N, C-alpha and C. Protein backbone atom coordinates (compact mmCIF):
# COMPACT_ATOMS: atom_id res chain seq x y z
N MET A 1 -148.54 46.02 29.64
CA MET A 1 -148.12 47.13 28.83
C MET A 1 -148.98 48.34 29.22
N LYS A 2 -148.32 49.44 29.41
CA LYS A 2 -149.02 50.67 29.79
C LYS A 2 -148.97 51.65 28.63
N ILE A 3 -150.14 52.06 28.17
CA ILE A 3 -150.26 53.03 27.09
C ILE A 3 -150.73 54.34 27.72
N THR A 4 -149.99 55.40 27.51
CA THR A 4 -150.31 56.70 28.09
C THR A 4 -150.90 57.61 27.02
N VAL A 5 -152.08 58.15 27.31
CA VAL A 5 -152.73 59.12 26.42
C VAL A 5 -152.66 60.47 27.12
N THR A 6 -152.04 61.45 26.45
CA THR A 6 -151.95 62.79 27.02
C THR A 6 -152.63 63.77 26.08
N ASN A 7 -153.52 64.57 26.65
CA ASN A 7 -154.24 65.58 25.86
C ASN A 7 -154.93 64.95 24.65
N SER A 8 -155.55 63.80 24.86
CA SER A 8 -156.25 63.06 23.80
C SER A 8 -155.36 62.70 22.62
N LYS A 9 -154.07 62.50 22.86
CA LYS A 9 -153.14 62.12 21.80
C LYS A 9 -152.34 60.90 22.25
N LEU A 10 -152.10 60.00 21.30
CA LEU A 10 -151.22 58.87 21.55
C LEU A 10 -149.81 59.28 21.15
N PRO A 11 -148.86 59.23 22.08
CA PRO A 11 -147.50 59.60 21.72
C PRO A 11 -146.83 58.54 20.83
N PHE A 12 -145.75 58.93 20.20
CA PHE A 12 -144.97 58.07 19.30
C PHE A 12 -144.60 56.75 19.98
N THR A 13 -144.15 56.82 21.22
CA THR A 13 -143.69 55.60 21.91
C THR A 13 -144.84 54.62 22.14
N SER A 14 -146.02 55.13 22.40
CA SER A 14 -147.16 54.23 22.63
C SER A 14 -147.55 53.50 21.35
N ILE A 15 -147.54 54.22 20.23
CA ILE A 15 -147.87 53.58 18.96
C ILE A 15 -146.79 52.56 18.60
N MET A 16 -145.53 52.89 18.87
CA MET A 16 -144.45 51.94 18.59
C MET A 16 -144.58 50.68 19.45
N LYS A 17 -144.96 50.84 20.73
CA LYS A 17 -145.14 49.67 21.60
C LYS A 17 -146.22 48.75 21.05
N ILE A 18 -147.37 49.34 20.70
CA ILE A 18 -148.48 48.54 20.20
C ILE A 18 -148.07 47.81 18.92
N THR A 19 -147.46 48.53 18.00
CA THR A 19 -147.07 47.95 16.72
C THR A 19 -146.00 46.88 16.89
N PHE A 20 -144.96 47.20 17.66
CA PHE A 20 -143.85 46.27 17.81
C PHE A 20 -144.29 44.96 18.45
N PHE A 21 -144.93 45.05 19.60
CA PHE A 21 -145.30 43.82 20.30
C PHE A 21 -146.39 43.05 19.55
N GLY A 22 -147.33 43.76 18.95
CA GLY A 22 -148.36 43.07 18.18
C GLY A 22 -147.79 42.33 17.00
N TYR A 23 -146.93 42.98 16.24
CA TYR A 23 -146.33 42.36 15.07
C TYR A 23 -145.36 41.24 15.47
N PHE A 24 -144.49 41.52 16.44
CA PHE A 24 -143.48 40.54 16.84
C PHE A 24 -144.11 39.27 17.38
N ILE A 25 -145.08 39.41 18.25
CA ILE A 25 -145.74 38.23 18.84
C ILE A 25 -146.60 37.52 17.80
N GLY A 26 -147.38 38.30 17.04
CA GLY A 26 -148.26 37.69 16.04
C GLY A 26 -147.50 36.95 14.96
N MET A 27 -146.50 37.60 14.36
CA MET A 27 -145.73 36.95 13.32
C MET A 27 -144.87 35.82 13.89
N GLY A 28 -144.41 35.99 15.12
CA GLY A 28 -143.65 34.92 15.76
C GLY A 28 -144.48 33.65 15.87
N LEU A 29 -145.74 33.79 16.25
CA LEU A 29 -146.61 32.62 16.37
C LEU A 29 -146.93 32.01 15.01
N VAL A 30 -147.01 32.83 13.98
CA VAL A 30 -147.26 32.31 12.64
C VAL A 30 -146.03 31.60 12.10
N ILE A 31 -144.85 32.13 12.37
CA ILE A 31 -143.62 31.60 11.77
C ILE A 31 -143.06 30.39 12.51
N ILE A 32 -143.37 30.24 13.80
CA ILE A 32 -142.80 29.14 14.59
C ILE A 32 -142.98 27.77 13.94
N PRO A 33 -144.19 27.40 13.48
CA PRO A 33 -144.31 26.06 12.85
C PRO A 33 -143.42 25.90 11.62
N PHE A 34 -143.30 26.95 10.80
CA PHE A 34 -142.46 26.86 9.61
C PHE A 34 -140.99 26.74 9.98
N VAL A 35 -140.57 27.46 11.00
CA VAL A 35 -139.17 27.38 11.45
C VAL A 35 -138.87 25.99 11.97
N LEU A 36 -139.77 25.45 12.78
CA LEU A 36 -139.54 24.11 13.32
C LEU A 36 -139.47 23.06 12.22
N LEU A 37 -140.33 23.17 11.22
CA LEU A 37 -140.28 22.22 10.11
C LEU A 37 -139.00 22.39 9.30
N ASP A 38 -138.59 23.62 9.07
CA ASP A 38 -137.41 23.88 8.27
C ASP A 38 -136.14 23.53 9.02
N VAL A 39 -136.06 23.86 10.29
CA VAL A 39 -134.87 23.58 11.09
C VAL A 39 -134.69 22.07 11.25
N GLY A 40 -135.79 21.34 11.36
CA GLY A 40 -135.70 19.89 11.48
C GLY A 40 -135.13 19.24 10.24
N GLY A 41 -135.30 19.87 9.08
CA GLY A 41 -134.81 19.30 7.84
C GLY A 41 -133.39 19.71 7.49
N MET A 42 -132.81 20.63 8.24
CA MET A 42 -131.46 21.08 7.93
C MET A 42 -130.44 20.03 8.33
N SER A 43 -129.39 19.94 7.53
CA SER A 43 -128.41 18.88 7.78
C SER A 43 -127.28 19.32 8.71
N GLU A 44 -126.92 20.58 8.69
CA GLU A 44 -125.79 21.03 9.50
C GLU A 44 -126.28 21.76 10.74
N ASN A 45 -125.58 21.57 11.85
CA ASN A 45 -125.94 22.21 13.10
C ASN A 45 -125.80 23.73 13.02
N THR A 46 -124.82 24.21 12.27
CA THR A 46 -124.62 25.66 12.18
C THR A 46 -125.81 26.34 11.52
N ASN A 47 -126.43 25.70 10.55
CA ASN A 47 -127.60 26.27 9.90
C ASN A 47 -128.78 26.35 10.86
N ARG A 48 -128.92 25.35 11.69
CA ARG A 48 -130.03 25.36 12.67
C ARG A 48 -129.85 26.51 13.66
N ILE A 49 -128.66 26.63 14.19
CA ILE A 49 -128.39 27.68 15.17
C ILE A 49 -128.56 29.05 14.53
N THR A 50 -128.06 29.20 13.31
CA THR A 50 -128.19 30.47 12.60
C THR A 50 -129.65 30.82 12.39
N ALA A 51 -130.46 29.87 11.98
CA ALA A 51 -131.88 30.13 11.74
C ALA A 51 -132.60 30.51 13.03
N ILE A 52 -132.28 29.83 14.11
CA ILE A 52 -132.95 30.11 15.39
C ILE A 52 -132.55 31.49 15.91
N ILE A 53 -131.33 31.93 15.65
CA ILE A 53 -130.88 33.24 16.12
C ILE A 53 -131.34 34.36 15.19
N ILE A 54 -131.28 34.14 13.90
CA ILE A 54 -131.55 35.20 12.92
C ILE A 54 -133.04 35.54 12.84
N ILE A 55 -133.92 34.57 12.92
CA ILE A 55 -135.35 34.83 12.71
C ILE A 55 -135.92 35.83 13.72
N PRO A 56 -135.65 35.74 15.03
CA PRO A 56 -136.16 36.77 15.93
C PRO A 56 -135.58 38.15 15.64
N ILE A 57 -134.32 38.20 15.19
CA ILE A 57 -133.72 39.49 14.85
C ILE A 57 -134.42 40.10 13.64
N ILE A 58 -134.70 39.28 12.64
CA ILE A 58 -135.40 39.77 11.45
C ILE A 58 -136.80 40.25 11.83
N LEU A 59 -137.49 39.50 12.68
CA LEU A 59 -138.84 39.91 13.11
C LEU A 59 -138.78 41.23 13.87
N ALA A 60 -137.78 41.42 14.71
CA ALA A 60 -137.66 42.67 15.46
C ALA A 60 -137.41 43.85 14.53
N ILE A 61 -136.54 43.66 13.54
CA ILE A 61 -136.26 44.73 12.58
C ILE A 61 -137.50 45.06 11.77
N GLN A 62 -138.24 44.05 11.32
CA GLN A 62 -139.47 44.29 10.58
C GLN A 62 -140.50 45.01 11.43
N ALA A 63 -140.59 44.65 12.71
CA ALA A 63 -141.55 45.30 13.60
C ALA A 63 -141.22 46.77 13.79
N VAL A 64 -139.94 47.08 13.95
CA VAL A 64 -139.54 48.49 14.10
C VAL A 64 -139.83 49.26 12.82
N LEU A 65 -139.49 48.69 11.67
CA LEU A 65 -139.76 49.37 10.40
C LEU A 65 -141.26 49.58 10.18
N LEU A 66 -142.06 48.57 10.51
CA LEU A 66 -143.51 48.71 10.38
C LEU A 66 -144.02 49.81 11.30
N GLY A 67 -143.50 49.88 12.52
CA GLY A 67 -143.90 50.92 13.45
C GLY A 67 -143.52 52.31 12.96
N LEU A 68 -142.32 52.44 12.39
CA LEU A 68 -141.89 53.74 11.86
C LEU A 68 -142.74 54.17 10.68
N VAL A 69 -143.05 53.25 9.78
CA VAL A 69 -143.89 53.57 8.63
C VAL A 69 -145.30 53.93 9.09
N LEU A 70 -145.82 53.19 10.05
CA LEU A 70 -147.15 53.49 10.59
C LEU A 70 -147.18 54.87 11.24
N ASN A 71 -146.17 55.19 12.03
CA ASN A 71 -146.09 56.50 12.66
C ASN A 71 -145.94 57.62 11.64
N LEU A 72 -145.15 57.40 10.61
CA LEU A 72 -145.00 58.40 9.56
C LEU A 72 -146.33 58.65 8.86
N GLY A 73 -147.04 57.59 8.54
CA GLY A 73 -148.35 57.74 7.90
C GLY A 73 -149.34 58.47 8.79
N LEU A 74 -149.36 58.12 10.08
CA LEU A 74 -150.26 58.81 11.01
C LEU A 74 -149.86 60.26 11.21
N PHE A 75 -148.56 60.54 11.21
CA PHE A 75 -148.08 61.91 11.33
C PHE A 75 -148.53 62.76 10.15
N ILE A 76 -148.37 62.23 8.95
CA ILE A 76 -148.79 62.97 7.75
C ILE A 76 -150.30 63.14 7.75
N TYR A 77 -151.04 62.09 8.12
CA TYR A 77 -152.50 62.18 8.16
C TYR A 77 -152.95 63.21 9.19
N SER A 78 -152.25 63.28 10.33
CA SER A 78 -152.64 64.23 11.37
C SER A 78 -152.43 65.68 10.94
N LYS A 79 -151.56 65.91 9.97
CA LYS A 79 -151.37 67.26 9.45
C LYS A 79 -152.54 67.67 8.56
N VAL A 80 -153.19 66.71 7.92
CA VAL A 80 -154.33 66.97 7.05
C VAL A 80 -155.62 67.06 7.87
N LYS A 81 -155.82 66.07 8.72
CA LYS A 81 -157.02 66.01 9.56
C LYS A 81 -156.61 65.50 10.93
N PRO A 82 -156.98 66.19 12.01
CA PRO A 82 -156.55 65.76 13.34
C PRO A 82 -157.08 64.37 13.72
N ILE A 83 -156.24 63.63 14.40
CA ILE A 83 -156.65 62.32 14.92
C ILE A 83 -157.07 62.53 16.37
N GLU A 84 -158.31 62.19 16.66
CA GLU A 84 -158.83 62.39 18.00
C GLU A 84 -158.96 61.05 18.72
N VAL A 85 -158.56 61.05 19.97
CA VAL A 85 -158.68 59.87 20.81
C VAL A 85 -159.69 60.19 21.90
N GLU A 86 -160.74 59.40 21.96
CA GLU A 86 -161.78 59.62 22.97
C GLU A 86 -161.71 58.52 24.01
N HIS A 87 -162.06 58.89 25.20
CA HIS A 87 -162.10 57.93 26.30
C HIS A 87 -163.51 57.94 26.88
N SER A 88 -164.09 56.76 26.93
CA SER A 88 -165.40 56.66 27.57
C SER A 88 -165.46 55.36 28.35
N GLU A 89 -166.13 55.43 29.46
CA GLU A 89 -166.27 54.25 30.29
C GLU A 89 -167.71 53.78 30.21
N ASN A 90 -167.90 52.66 29.56
CA ASN A 90 -169.22 52.07 29.45
C ASN A 90 -169.24 50.82 30.32
N GLN A 91 -170.10 50.85 31.30
CA GLN A 91 -170.22 49.68 32.17
C GLN A 91 -171.45 48.89 31.73
N GLN A 92 -171.21 47.66 31.38
CA GLN A 92 -172.29 46.80 30.95
C GLN A 92 -172.56 45.78 32.03
N ASN A 93 -173.82 45.54 32.28
CA ASN A 93 -174.19 44.53 33.26
C ASN A 93 -174.17 43.17 32.59
N LEU A 94 -173.37 42.28 33.14
CA LEU A 94 -173.29 40.93 32.58
C LEU A 94 -174.14 39.98 33.35
């Protein structure tokens, strides 16, 4: 994933990428065991297929909504106090 910082600012798309992939992957890993346990207990094949298809769609929608809310909050905050992004290269000897 490539995050581009221009003029010490993170653009909307970069924040959305971080939020979407972080939430989608993180929640996906948390939900997988519950889905497997629940799908195994379902009696009809249609319910299993529906659950397997619907859950990633729900996670994607939640990730987009979380990203939009996060961006809105950061946008409003940036109007009150600027958000500064600093870049520094610290090389540590290991």
